[in-house]
N, C-alpha and C. Protein backbone atom coordinates (compact mmCIF):
# COMPACT_ATOMS: atom_id res chain seq x y z
N MET A 1 -5.74 -19.05 8.36
CA MET A 1 -5.65 -18.46 7.03
C MET A 1 -4.39 -19.01 6.34
N SER A 2 -4.51 -19.37 5.09
CA SER A 2 -3.38 -19.94 4.37
C SER A 2 -2.35 -18.87 4.04
N LEU A 3 -1.13 -19.31 3.75
CA LEU A 3 -0.05 -18.41 3.38
C LEU A 3 -0.39 -17.64 2.11
N VAL A 4 -1.02 -18.30 1.15
CA VAL A 4 -1.41 -17.65 -0.10
C VAL A 4 -2.40 -16.52 0.18
N ALA A 5 -3.36 -16.75 1.06
CA ALA A 5 -4.35 -15.73 1.41
C ALA A 5 -3.69 -14.55 2.09
N VAL A 6 -2.73 -14.80 2.97
CA VAL A 6 -2.02 -13.72 3.67
C VAL A 6 -1.23 -12.89 2.68
N VAL A 7 -0.49 -13.54 1.79
CA VAL A 7 0.30 -12.81 0.79
C VAL A 7 -0.61 -12.00 -0.11
N SER A 8 -1.74 -12.54 -0.52
CA SER A 8 -2.69 -11.81 -1.36
C SER A 8 -3.25 -10.61 -0.64
N LEU A 9 -3.56 -10.76 0.64
CA LEU A 9 -4.09 -9.65 1.43
C LEU A 9 -3.06 -8.55 1.58
N ILE A 10 -1.81 -8.90 1.82
CA ILE A 10 -0.74 -7.91 1.93
C ILE A 10 -0.58 -7.18 0.61
N ALA A 11 -0.57 -7.90 -0.49
CA ALA A 11 -0.42 -7.28 -1.81
C ALA A 11 -1.56 -6.31 -2.10
N MET A 12 -2.78 -6.69 -1.73
CA MET A 12 -3.93 -5.81 -1.96
C MET A 12 -3.81 -4.57 -1.09
N ASN A 13 -3.39 -4.71 0.15
CA ASN A 13 -3.25 -3.56 1.03
C ASN A 13 -2.16 -2.63 0.55
N ASP A 14 -1.05 -3.16 0.05
CA ASP A 14 0.03 -2.32 -0.45
C ASP A 14 -0.43 -1.48 -1.63
N SER A 15 -1.19 -2.06 -2.55
CA SER A 15 -1.60 -1.31 -3.74
C SER A 15 -2.59 -0.21 -3.41
N VAL A 16 -3.30 -0.34 -2.28
CA VAL A 16 -4.23 0.71 -1.87
C VAL A 16 -3.46 1.97 -1.52
N PHE A 17 -2.25 1.82 -0.99
CA PHE A 17 -1.46 2.95 -0.55
C PHE A 17 -0.32 3.27 -1.50
N ALA A 18 -0.38 2.82 -2.72
CA ALA A 18 0.67 3.09 -3.69
C ALA A 18 0.28 4.27 -4.57
N THR A 19 1.29 4.96 -5.08
CA THR A 19 1.06 6.02 -6.05
C THR A 19 0.74 5.37 -7.39
N SER A 20 -0.23 5.92 -8.09
CA SER A 20 -0.64 5.43 -9.40
C SER A 20 -0.29 6.51 -10.43
N VAL A 21 0.37 6.11 -11.51
CA VAL A 21 0.72 7.06 -12.58
C VAL A 21 0.28 6.49 -13.92
N VAL A 22 -0.35 7.34 -14.74
CA VAL A 22 -0.78 6.94 -16.07
C VAL A 22 -0.10 7.85 -17.10
N ASN A 23 0.39 7.24 -18.16
CA ASN A 23 1.02 7.99 -19.25
C ASN A 23 -0.01 8.20 -20.36
N LYS A 24 -0.52 9.42 -20.47
CA LYS A 24 -1.51 9.73 -21.50
C LYS A 24 -0.87 10.21 -22.80
N ASP A 25 0.45 10.24 -22.85
CA ASP A 25 1.16 10.63 -24.06
C ASP A 25 1.25 9.45 -25.03
N THR A 26 1.68 9.74 -26.25
CA THR A 26 1.82 8.69 -27.26
C THR A 26 3.21 8.11 -27.31
N GLU A 27 4.11 8.61 -26.47
CA GLU A 27 5.47 8.10 -26.43
C GLU A 27 5.83 7.66 -25.01
N VAL A 28 6.89 6.87 -24.92
CA VAL A 28 7.36 6.37 -23.63
C VAL A 28 7.86 7.54 -22.79
N ARG A 29 7.52 7.55 -21.51
CA ARG A 29 8.02 8.54 -20.56
C ARG A 29 8.80 7.79 -19.47
N ILE A 30 9.93 8.36 -19.09
CA ILE A 30 10.80 7.73 -18.11
C ILE A 30 10.75 8.53 -16.81
N LEU A 31 10.51 7.84 -15.71
CA LEU A 31 10.59 8.43 -14.38
C LEU A 31 11.77 7.79 -13.67
N ILE A 32 12.53 8.58 -12.94
CA ILE A 32 13.60 8.05 -12.09
C ILE A 32 13.03 8.03 -10.67
N VAL A 33 12.90 6.85 -10.10
CA VAL A 33 12.28 6.67 -8.79
C VAL A 33 13.34 6.22 -7.79
N THR A 34 13.42 6.94 -6.65
CA THR A 34 14.30 6.55 -5.56
C THR A 34 13.42 6.17 -4.38
N GLU A 35 13.45 4.88 -4.03
CA GLU A 35 12.62 4.35 -2.96
C GLU A 35 13.48 3.47 -2.08
N ARG A 36 13.51 3.79 -0.78
CA ARG A 36 14.33 3.04 0.19
C ARG A 36 15.79 2.98 -0.22
N GLY A 37 16.28 4.07 -0.79
CA GLY A 37 17.69 4.16 -1.19
C GLY A 37 18.02 3.53 -2.52
N ASP A 38 17.06 2.86 -3.16
CA ASP A 38 17.29 2.23 -4.46
C ASP A 38 16.74 3.13 -5.56
N LYS A 39 17.56 3.41 -6.56
CA LYS A 39 17.15 4.25 -7.69
C LYS A 39 16.92 3.37 -8.90
N VAL A 40 15.72 3.50 -9.51
CA VAL A 40 15.37 2.72 -10.70
C VAL A 40 14.72 3.62 -11.74
N GLN A 41 14.84 3.21 -13.00
CA GLN A 41 14.14 3.89 -14.09
C GLN A 41 12.82 3.17 -14.32
N LEU A 42 11.75 3.94 -14.33
CA LEU A 42 10.42 3.40 -14.57
C LEU A 42 9.97 3.91 -15.93
N ALA A 43 9.89 3.00 -16.92
CA ALA A 43 9.47 3.36 -18.27
C ALA A 43 7.97 3.13 -18.41
N LEU A 44 7.25 4.19 -18.73
CA LEU A 44 5.80 4.09 -18.93
C LEU A 44 5.50 4.23 -20.41
N HIS A 45 4.96 3.18 -21.00
CA HIS A 45 4.59 3.21 -22.42
C HIS A 45 3.28 3.97 -22.58
N ALA A 46 2.97 4.35 -23.79
CA ALA A 46 1.74 5.11 -24.09
C ALA A 46 0.52 4.38 -23.53
N GLY A 47 -0.27 5.09 -22.73
CA GLY A 47 -1.48 4.54 -22.16
C GLY A 47 -1.29 3.64 -20.96
N GLU A 48 -0.07 3.38 -20.56
CA GLU A 48 0.21 2.46 -19.46
C GLU A 48 -0.02 3.12 -18.09
N THR A 49 -0.53 2.34 -17.16
CA THR A 49 -0.69 2.76 -15.77
C THR A 49 0.15 1.85 -14.90
N VAL A 50 0.89 2.46 -13.96
CA VAL A 50 1.77 1.71 -13.07
C VAL A 50 1.57 2.20 -11.64
N GLU A 51 1.63 1.27 -10.70
CA GLU A 51 1.60 1.62 -9.28
C GLU A 51 2.99 1.40 -8.71
N PHE A 52 3.44 2.34 -7.90
CA PHE A 52 4.76 2.27 -7.29
C PHE A 52 4.76 3.13 -6.03
N CYS A 53 5.87 3.25 -5.37
CA CYS A 53 6.04 4.19 -4.26
C CYS A 53 5.09 3.86 -3.10
N VAL A 54 5.19 2.67 -2.58
CA VAL A 54 4.28 2.21 -1.53
C VAL A 54 4.51 2.97 -0.22
N ASN A 55 5.74 3.21 0.15
CA ASN A 55 6.05 3.83 1.43
C ASN A 55 6.74 5.18 1.30
N GLY A 56 6.43 5.91 0.25
CA GLY A 56 7.09 7.19 0.02
C GLY A 56 8.32 7.01 -0.84
N CYS A 57 8.61 8.03 -1.65
CA CYS A 57 9.76 7.96 -2.54
C CYS A 57 10.04 9.36 -3.10
N PHE A 58 11.11 9.46 -3.87
CA PHE A 58 11.43 10.66 -4.63
C PHE A 58 11.34 10.30 -6.10
N VAL A 59 10.82 11.22 -6.91
CA VAL A 59 10.66 10.97 -8.34
C VAL A 59 11.23 12.14 -9.13
N ASN A 60 12.03 11.82 -10.15
CA ASN A 60 12.43 12.80 -11.16
C ASN A 60 11.45 12.66 -12.31
N TRP A 61 10.69 13.74 -12.58
CA TRP A 61 9.68 13.74 -13.64
C TRP A 61 10.33 13.85 -15.01
N PRO A 62 9.56 13.63 -16.08
CA PRO A 62 10.11 13.73 -17.44
C PRO A 62 10.76 15.08 -17.73
N ASN A 63 10.31 16.17 -17.08
CA ASN A 63 10.91 17.49 -17.34
C ASN A 63 12.11 17.76 -16.44
N GLY A 64 12.50 16.79 -15.57
CA GLY A 64 13.68 16.94 -14.73
C GLY A 64 13.40 17.38 -13.31
N ASP A 65 12.17 17.81 -13.00
CA ASP A 65 11.84 18.23 -11.64
C ASP A 65 11.89 17.04 -10.69
N LEU A 66 12.25 17.32 -9.43
CA LEU A 66 12.29 16.30 -8.39
C LEU A 66 11.18 16.57 -7.40
N GLU A 67 10.47 15.50 -6.99
CA GLU A 67 9.37 15.67 -6.04
C GLU A 67 9.33 14.48 -5.08
N ALA A 68 8.99 14.78 -3.83
CA ALA A 68 8.79 13.73 -2.83
C ALA A 68 7.32 13.31 -2.87
N LEU A 69 7.07 12.01 -2.87
CA LEU A 69 5.72 11.47 -2.87
C LEU A 69 5.50 10.66 -1.60
N THR A 70 4.26 10.63 -1.13
CA THR A 70 3.94 9.88 0.08
C THR A 70 3.52 8.45 -0.21
N GLY A 71 3.05 8.19 -1.43
CA GLY A 71 2.57 6.86 -1.79
C GLY A 71 1.07 6.80 -1.90
N SER A 72 0.41 7.96 -1.92
CA SER A 72 -1.05 7.98 -2.02
C SER A 72 -1.53 8.83 -3.20
N GLU A 73 -0.63 9.27 -4.04
CA GLU A 73 -0.98 10.17 -5.13
C GLU A 73 -1.50 9.43 -6.36
N THR A 74 -2.28 10.15 -7.15
CA THR A 74 -2.71 9.72 -8.48
C THR A 74 -2.14 10.76 -9.45
N ILE A 75 -1.38 10.29 -10.44
CA ILE A 75 -0.64 11.19 -11.32
C ILE A 75 -0.95 10.88 -12.77
N GLU A 76 -1.06 11.94 -13.57
CA GLU A 76 -1.22 11.81 -15.03
C GLU A 76 -0.04 12.51 -15.69
N ILE A 77 0.52 11.85 -16.72
CA ILE A 77 1.54 12.48 -17.55
C ILE A 77 0.89 12.77 -18.89
N SER A 78 0.92 14.03 -19.27
CA SER A 78 0.33 14.48 -20.53
C SER A 78 1.17 15.63 -21.07
N GLY A 79 1.54 15.54 -22.34
CA GLY A 79 2.37 16.59 -22.93
C GLY A 79 3.74 16.66 -22.28
N GLY A 80 4.22 15.53 -21.73
CA GLY A 80 5.51 15.49 -21.09
C GLY A 80 5.53 16.08 -19.69
N VAL A 81 4.36 16.47 -19.18
CA VAL A 81 4.27 17.09 -17.85
C VAL A 81 3.46 16.19 -16.92
N ALA A 82 3.98 15.99 -15.72
CA ALA A 82 3.28 15.19 -14.72
C ALA A 82 2.42 16.11 -13.84
N ARG A 83 1.18 15.70 -13.62
CA ARG A 83 0.25 16.46 -12.78
C ARG A 83 -0.32 15.53 -11.73
N ILE A 84 -0.23 15.98 -10.47
CA ILE A 84 -0.81 15.20 -9.37
C ILE A 84 -2.28 15.57 -9.27
N LYS A 85 -3.12 14.56 -9.27
CA LYS A 85 -4.59 14.77 -9.20
C LYS A 85 -5.07 14.63 -7.79
């Protein structure tokens, strides 16, 4: 198997186990994500869907709440509130 095929297979497997979040609001929503000790701001534009949190992480939601995620959740942000589906 070629190196490109292996990298593609790993990338596909990672996204299967990643958390998916969609911003259904009309404005940008910011999530603070802490994964493997690294803290980053994740800006989700209106209608945007992003996958993150492959191996578990902590997230500060738009309303300030903190939650631990496993990396298998599907989340919708609507009205400034995040809901795990």
